Each structure stands twice: as structure tokens, then as C-alpha cells.
Amino acid sequence: MTRDETVAIIRAIAASFPTFKPMDMTETVNVWHAMLEDQDGKLILAALKTYIRTNVTGFAPSIGQLMEIAMKLTSPDELTGQQAWALVVKAMRNSSYNAVDEFNKLPNAVQKAVGSPSKLSSMATNDGYNESVESSNFLRAYQQVRERENEIKKTSPDVLALMEKSVKRLEGNK
């Protein structure tokens, strides 16, 4: 996002929300630009338009609120927990002998929530299988996976690079 796009966003917010009165407009633009410079300006503007048209509080959006809306605009077809569980149940039906193939067909987030092909096979062949327990455990794990992935999507590239560097340093100490 360019600095000019950031200025346009701030001006649109100021025009749309009379209570939005930054003490220092230059500092406000600097902070917003620093936080959003890795984003597509058109996408953030679309998020702002969505916020303005749907928000009834009368309060200006925060950077995080616009990021959340932008993320939803770019990934509208994300599976619900129930849709993801339905894929797991379908995969389980063929997992007695084909667990690896069935596991590999699942979307990445669903794979992370299931854990491994052996877990899929275990659920398929276990006589003591309790669907309500397995479903509950899966839904909780899937929600955690989605939340983590969404947080990573919202994290700035410089912070992600710092995190990766820290992980590599920790792995090197093992």
C-alpha cells in the first residue's frame, strides 16, 4: 500500500466518522502506513467500504478491524467446522487400507486438525469409535488451526521473518 493510498484511507475515515479526530494527522498516517504497507491498497479500501456500509456503532475502524475484513474478503470459501468434519467422515470410509491417500486429499487445515494418516486409519478401524467425541475433538482442533492460520495471515512480513529466524535459532540449539 502506498503512502498516498494510506492518506486516502485516513481521509475517507475522517470524512465518514465525525468523531475520528487524530491529534497529529502526520503521525496517524505514518503509523497506519507502517502497519499496512505490505497490504494491497485496493483491498484495504474495499475493507473500509465494507466497514462503513455495515458498521452501526459510529466509531472509526481500527487497523485490525480492516485487516480482519480484508482477510474475509479474500477467503470467503473457507470451510466451516461441519463441512471440514464431513470431509473427514468421507475420508474415514476409505481409510482402512488407503489412509495415506485419503489424508493427502484433505485440505491442509483439515490435515492439521486430524493430525496424521494413522489417526484417520485409527478412527476408521477402531471398534470403540465414538463419533460425537471424535467430532468434538476435531472441531476444537480445526478451530485452533484456523485461528492460528488467520493470525499468521494478518502478521506483517517483517514479524514473520523474525519469528522464522527465532525458530531456526531454537532448532539449531537442539
C-alpha atoms as a PDB file:
ATOM      1  CA  MET A   1       0.000   0.000   0.000  1.00  0.00           C
ATOM      2  CA  THR A   2       1.440   3.341  -0.967  1.00  0.00           C
ATOM      3  CA  ARG A   3       1.599   6.354   1.308  1.00  0.00           C
ATOM      4  CA  ASP A   4      -0.910   8.141  -0.952  1.00  0.00           C
ATOM      5  CA  GLU A   5      -3.328   5.226  -0.583  1.00  0.00           C
ATOM      6  CA  THR A   6      -2.867   5.412   3.198  1.00  0.00           C
ATOM      7  CA  VAL A   7      -3.658   9.140   3.147  1.00  0.00           C
ATOM      8  CA  ALA A   8      -6.783   8.423   1.092  1.00  0.00           C
ATOM      9  CA  ILE A   9      -7.880   5.777   3.622  1.00  0.00           C
ATOM     10  CA  ILE A  10      -7.359   8.153   6.567  1.00  0.00           C
ATOM     11  CA  ARG A  11      -9.244  10.933   4.759  1.00  0.00           C
ATOM     12  CA  ALA A  12     -12.137   8.580   4.000  1.00  0.00           C
ATOM     13  CA  ILE A  13     -12.278   7.557   7.656  1.00  0.00           C
ATOM     14  CA  ALA A  14     -12.215  11.203   8.788  1.00  0.00           C
ATOM     15  CA  ALA A  15     -14.976  12.102   6.328  1.00  0.00           C
ATOM     16  CA  SER A  16     -17.138   9.131   7.336  1.00  0.00           C
ATOM     17  CA  PHE A  17     -16.690   9.272  11.108  1.00  0.00           C
ATOM     18  CA  PRO A  18     -17.005  12.760  12.607  1.00  0.00           C
ATOM     19  CA  THR A  19     -15.562  11.578  15.940  1.00  0.00           C
ATOM     20  CA  PHE A  20     -12.322  10.480  14.243  1.00  0.00           C
ATOM     21  CA  LYS A  21     -10.050  13.404  15.012  1.00  0.00           C
ATOM     22  CA  PRO A  22      -6.395  12.370  15.277  1.00  0.00           C
ATOM     23  CA  MET A  23      -4.263  14.771  17.323  1.00  0.00           C
ATOM     24  CA  ASP A  24      -1.457  14.551  14.760  1.00  0.00           C
ATOM     25  CA  MET A  25      -2.503  13.619  11.225  1.00  0.00           C
ATOM     26  CA  THR A  26       1.096  13.064  10.067  1.00  0.00           C
ATOM     27  CA  GLU A  27       1.754  10.625  12.903  1.00  0.00           C
ATOM     28  CA  THR A  28      -1.551   8.855  12.214  1.00  0.00           C
ATOM     29  CA  VAL A  29      -0.664   8.435   8.536  1.00  0.00           C
ATOM     30  CA  ASN A  30       2.847   7.236   9.482  1.00  0.00           C
ATOM     31  CA  VAL A  31       1.513   4.565  11.853  1.00  0.00           C
ATOM     32  CA  TRP A  32      -1.238   3.390   9.501  1.00  0.00           C
ATOM     33  CA  HIS A  33       1.190   3.250   6.591  1.00  0.00           C
ATOM     34  CA  ALA A  34       3.763   1.305   8.623  1.00  0.00           C
ATOM     35  CA  MET A  35       1.115  -1.220   9.679  1.00  0.00           C
ATOM     36  CA  LEU A  36      -0.476  -1.589   6.243  1.00  0.00           C
ATOM     37  CA  GLU A  37       2.401  -1.072   3.799  1.00  0.00           C
ATOM     38  CA  ASP A  38       2.507  -4.790   2.917  1.00  0.00           C
ATOM     39  CA  GLN A  39      -1.212  -4.813   2.051  1.00  0.00           C
ATOM     40  CA  ASP A  40      -2.980  -4.160  -1.246  1.00  0.00           C
ATOM     41  CA  GLY A  41      -4.389  -0.626  -1.077  1.00  0.00           C
ATOM     42  CA  LYS A  42      -7.448  -1.557  -3.139  1.00  0.00           C
ATOM     43  CA  LEU A  43      -8.214  -4.416  -0.758  1.00  0.00           C
ATOM     44  CA  ILE A  44      -7.927  -2.196   2.322  1.00  0.00           C
ATOM     45  CA  LEU A  45     -10.168   0.384   0.627  1.00  0.00           C
ATOM     46  CA  ALA A  46     -12.706  -2.381  -0.094  1.00  0.00           C
ATOM     47  CA  ALA A  47     -12.498  -3.402   3.575  1.00  0.00           C
ATOM     48  CA  LEU A  48     -13.095   0.211   4.621  1.00  0.00           C
ATOM     49  CA  LYS A  49     -16.100   0.475   2.302  1.00  0.00           C
ATOM     50  CA  THR A  50     -17.481  -2.725   3.798  1.00  0.00           C
ATOM     51  CA  TYR A  51     -16.898  -1.413   7.316  1.00  0.00           C
ATOM     52  CA  ILE A  52     -18.569   1.934   6.571  1.00  0.00           C
ATOM     53  CA  ARG A  53     -21.587   0.277   4.988  1.00  0.00           C
ATOM     54  CA  THR A  54     -22.098  -2.354   7.681  1.00  0.00           C
ATOM     55  CA  ASN A  55     -20.918  -0.801  10.957  1.00  0.00           C
ATOM     56  CA  VAL A  56     -23.633   0.762  13.057  1.00  0.00           C
ATOM     57  CA  THR A  57     -21.574   1.865  16.065  1.00  0.00           C
ATOM     58  CA  GLY A  58     -20.474   5.159  14.547  1.00  0.00           C
ATOM     59  CA  PHE A  59     -16.872   4.544  15.590  1.00  0.00           C
ATOM     60  CA  ALA A  60     -13.999   4.622  13.136  1.00  0.00           C
ATOM     61  CA  PRO A  61     -12.340   1.291  12.329  1.00  0.00           C
ATOM     62  CA  SER A  62      -9.060   0.169  13.777  1.00  0.00           C
ATOM     63  CA  ILE A  63      -6.266  -1.221  11.627  1.00  0.00           C
ATOM     64  CA  GLY A  64      -7.040  -4.686  12.971  1.00  0.00           C
ATOM     65  CA  GLN A  65     -10.704  -4.408  12.060  1.00  0.00           C
ATOM     66  CA  LEU A  66      -9.840  -3.501   8.479  1.00  0.00           C
ATOM     67  CA  MET A  67      -7.326  -6.365   8.312  1.00  0.00           C
ATOM     68  CA  GLU A  68      -9.989  -8.781   9.568  1.00  0.00           C
ATOM     69  CA  ILE A  69     -12.473  -7.626   6.935  1.00  0.00           C
ATOM     70  CA  ALA A  70      -9.810  -7.737   4.196  1.00  0.00           C
ATOM     71  CA  MET A  71      -8.962 -11.298   5.181  1.00  0.00           C
ATOM     72  CA  LYS A  72     -12.627 -12.319   4.993  1.00  0.00           C
ATOM     73  CA  LEU A  73     -12.946 -10.673   1.591  1.00  0.00           C
ATOM     74  CA  THR A  74     -10.019 -12.697   0.233  1.00  0.00           C
ATOM     75  CA  SER A  75     -11.013 -16.069   1.690  1.00  0.00           C
ATOM     76  CA  PRO A  76     -14.810 -16.283   1.573  1.00  0.00           C
ATOM     77  CA  ASP A  77     -14.906 -20.001   0.780  1.00  0.00           C
ATOM     78  CA  GLU A  78     -13.212 -21.163   3.975  1.00  0.00           C
ATOM     79  CA  LEU A  79     -14.708 -24.423   5.210  1.00  0.00           C
ATOM     80  CA  THR A  80     -16.898 -24.350   8.280  1.00  0.00           C
ATOM     81  CA  GLY A  81     -16.160 -26.858  11.028  1.00  0.00           C
ATOM     82  CA  GLN A  82     -19.101 -29.016   9.978  1.00  0.00           C
ATOM     83  CA  GLN A  83     -18.022 -29.006   6.328  1.00  0.00           C
ATOM     84  CA  ALA A  84     -14.494 -29.985   7.361  1.00  0.00           C
ATOM     85  CA  TRP A  85     -15.821 -32.788   9.588  1.00  0.00           C
ATOM     86  CA  ALA A  86     -17.918 -34.101   6.687  1.00  0.00           C
ATOM     87  CA  LEU A  87     -14.712 -34.389   4.642  1.00  0.00           C
ATOM     88  CA  VAL A  88     -13.061 -36.312   7.479  1.00  0.00           C
ATOM     89  CA  VAL A  89     -16.003 -38.719   7.742  1.00  0.00           C
ATOM     90  CA  LYS A  90     -15.868 -39.308   3.978  1.00  0.00           C
ATOM     91  CA  ALA A  91     -12.101 -39.902   4.168  1.00  0.00           C
ATOM     92  CA  MET A  92     -12.558 -42.324   7.086  1.00  0.00           C
ATOM     93  CA  ARG A  93     -14.814 -44.550   4.979  1.00  0.00           C
ATOM     94  CA  ASN A  94     -11.877 -45.359   2.710  1.00  0.00           C
ATOM     95  CA  SER A  95      -9.132 -45.239   5.326  1.00  0.00           C
ATOM     96  CA  SER A  96      -8.958 -48.839   6.451  1.00  0.00           C
ATOM     97  CA  TYR A  97      -6.420 -49.521   3.712  1.00  0.00           C
ATOM     98  CA  ASN A  98      -5.994 -46.138   1.989  1.00  0.00           C
ATOM     99  CA  ALA A  99      -5.423 -43.803   4.922  1.00  0.00           C
ATOM    100  CA  VAL A 100      -2.415 -42.017   3.404  1.00  0.00           C
ATOM    101  CA  ASP A 101      -4.179 -41.351   0.101  1.00  0.00           C
ATOM    102  CA  GLU A 102      -7.352 -40.182   1.852  1.00  0.00           C
ATOM    103  CA  PHE A 103      -5.373 -37.989   4.252  1.00  0.00           C
ATOM    104  CA  ASN A 104      -3.500 -36.379   1.351  1.00  0.00           C
ATOM    105  CA  LYS A 105      -6.813 -35.487  -0.361  1.00  0.00           C
ATOM    106  CA  LEU A 106      -7.902 -33.403   2.640  1.00  0.00           C
ATOM    107  CA  PRO A 107      -7.325 -29.616   2.684  1.00  0.00           C
ATOM    108  CA  ASN A 108      -4.228 -28.539   4.615  1.00  0.00           C
ATOM    109  CA  ALA A 109      -6.138 -27.125   7.615  1.00  0.00           C
ATOM    110  CA  VAL A 110      -8.178 -30.321   7.897  1.00  0.00           C
ATOM    111  CA  GLN A 111      -4.988 -32.415   7.750  1.00  0.00           C
ATOM    112  CA  LYS A 112      -3.501 -30.369  10.595  1.00  0.00           C
ATOM    113  CA  ALA A 113      -6.642 -30.845  12.695  1.00  0.00           C
ATOM    114  CA  VAL A 114      -6.751 -34.620  12.049  1.00  0.00           C
ATOM    115  CA  GLY A 115      -3.053 -34.969  12.746  1.00  0.00           C
ATOM    116  CA  SER A 116      -1.874 -37.859  10.598  1.00  0.00           C
ATOM    117  CA  PRO A 117      -2.978 -40.637   8.256  1.00  0.00           C
ATOM    118  CA  SER A 118      -2.611 -43.100  11.135  1.00  0.00           C
ATOM    119  CA  LYS A 119      -5.151 -41.115  13.191  1.00  0.00           C
ATOM    120  CA  LEU A 120      -7.558 -41.278  10.239  1.00  0.00           C
ATOM    121  CA  SER A 121      -6.988 -45.028   9.967  1.00  0.00           C
ATOM    122  CA  SER A 122      -7.422 -45.457  13.697  1.00  0.00           C
ATOM    123  CA  MET A 123     -10.776 -43.677  13.636  1.00  0.00           C
ATOM    124  CA  ALA A 124     -11.880 -45.836  10.695  1.00  0.00           C
ATOM    125  CA  THR A 125     -10.934 -49.163  12.264  1.00  0.00           C
ATOM    126  CA  ASN A 126     -11.493 -48.542  15.977  1.00  0.00           C
ATOM    127  CA  ASP A 127     -14.371 -50.609  17.406  1.00  0.00           C
ATOM    128  CA  GLY A 128     -14.716 -48.150  20.287  1.00  0.00           C
ATOM    129  CA  TYR A 129     -15.080 -45.202  17.907  1.00  0.00           C
ATOM    130  CA  ASN A 130     -17.395 -42.555  19.314  1.00  0.00           C
ATOM    131  CA  GLU A 131     -18.382 -40.083  16.610  1.00  0.00           C
ATOM    132  CA  SER A 132     -19.574 -37.376  18.974  1.00  0.00           C
ATOM    133  CA  VAL A 133     -16.276 -37.431  20.896  1.00  0.00           C
ATOM    134  CA  GLU A 134     -14.155 -37.551  17.734  1.00  0.00           C
ATOM    135  CA  SER A 135     -16.261 -34.839  16.119  1.00  0.00           C
ATOM    136  CA  SER A 136     -15.937 -32.596  19.166  1.00  0.00           C
ATOM    137  CA  ASN A 137     -12.178 -33.120  19.358  1.00  0.00           C
ATOM    138  CA  PHE A 138     -11.784 -32.478  15.645  1.00  0.00           C
ATOM    139  CA  LEU A 139     -13.921 -29.317  15.684  1.00  0.00           C
ATOM    140  CA  ARG A 140     -11.892 -27.897  18.566  1.00  0.00           C
ATOM    141  CA  ALA A 141      -8.605 -28.702  16.813  1.00  0.00           C
ATOM    142  CA  TYR A 142      -9.880 -27.351  13.489  1.00  0.00           C
ATOM    143  CA  GLN A 143     -10.955 -24.085  15.113  1.00  0.00           C
ATOM    144  CA  GLN A 144      -7.498 -23.698  16.648  1.00  0.00           C
ATOM    145  CA  VAL A 145      -5.810 -24.402  13.300  1.00  0.00           C
ATOM    146  CA  ARG A 146      -7.999 -21.846  11.523  1.00  0.00           C
ATOM    147  CA  GLU A 147      -7.402 -19.213  14.206  1.00  0.00           C
ATOM    148  CA  ARG A 148      -3.645 -19.745  14.010  1.00  0.00           C
ATOM    149  CA  GLU A 149      -3.631 -19.593  10.202  1.00  0.00           C
ATOM    150  CA  ASN A 150      -5.728 -16.419  10.276  1.00  0.00           C
ATOM    151  CA  GLU A 151      -3.365 -14.791  12.768  1.00  0.00           C
ATOM    152  CA  ILE A 152      -0.411 -15.675  10.550  1.00  0.00           C
ATOM    153  CA  LYS A 153      -2.182 -14.168   7.514  1.00  0.00           C
ATOM    154  CA  LYS A 154      -2.585 -10.902   9.422  1.00  0.00           C
ATOM    155  CA  THR A 155       1.000 -10.798  10.673  1.00  0.00           C
ATOM    156  CA  SER A 156       3.347  -8.452   8.856  1.00  0.00           C
ATOM    157  CA  PRO A 157       6.166  -9.999   6.794  1.00  0.00           C
ATOM    158  CA  ASP A 158       8.911  -8.479   8.968  1.00  0.00           C
ATOM    159  CA  VAL A 159       7.425 -10.053  12.098  1.00  0.00           C
ATOM    160  CA  LEU A 160       7.045 -13.404  10.310  1.00  0.00           C
ATOM    161  CA  ALA A 161      10.706 -13.228   9.275  1.00  0.00           C
ATOM    162  CA  LEU A 162      11.683 -12.527  12.885  1.00  0.00           C
ATOM    163  CA  MET A 163       9.597 -15.484  14.078  1.00  0.00           C
ATOM    164  CA  GLU A 164      11.174 -17.776  11.477  1.00  0.00           C
ATOM    165  CA  LYS A 165      14.646 -16.641  12.496  1.00  0.00           C
ATOM    166  CA  SER A 166      13.865 -17.391  16.150  1.00  0.00           C
ATOM    167  CA  VAL A 167      12.546 -20.861  15.306  1.00  0.00           C
ATOM    168  CA  LYS A 168      15.674 -21.662  13.272  1.00  0.00           C
ATOM    169  CA  ARG A 169      17.866 -20.465  16.121  1.00  0.00           C
ATOM    170  CA  LEU A 170      15.970 -22.663  18.600  1.00  0.00           C
ATOM    171  CA  GLU A 171      16.158 -25.663  16.266  1.00  0.00           C
ATOM    172  CA  GLY A 172      19.903 -25.103  15.944  1.00  0.00           C
ATOM    173  CA  ASN A 173      20.284 -25.341  19.729  1.00  0.00           C
ATOM    174  CA  LYS A 174      18.782 -28.844  19.866  1.00  0.00           C
END
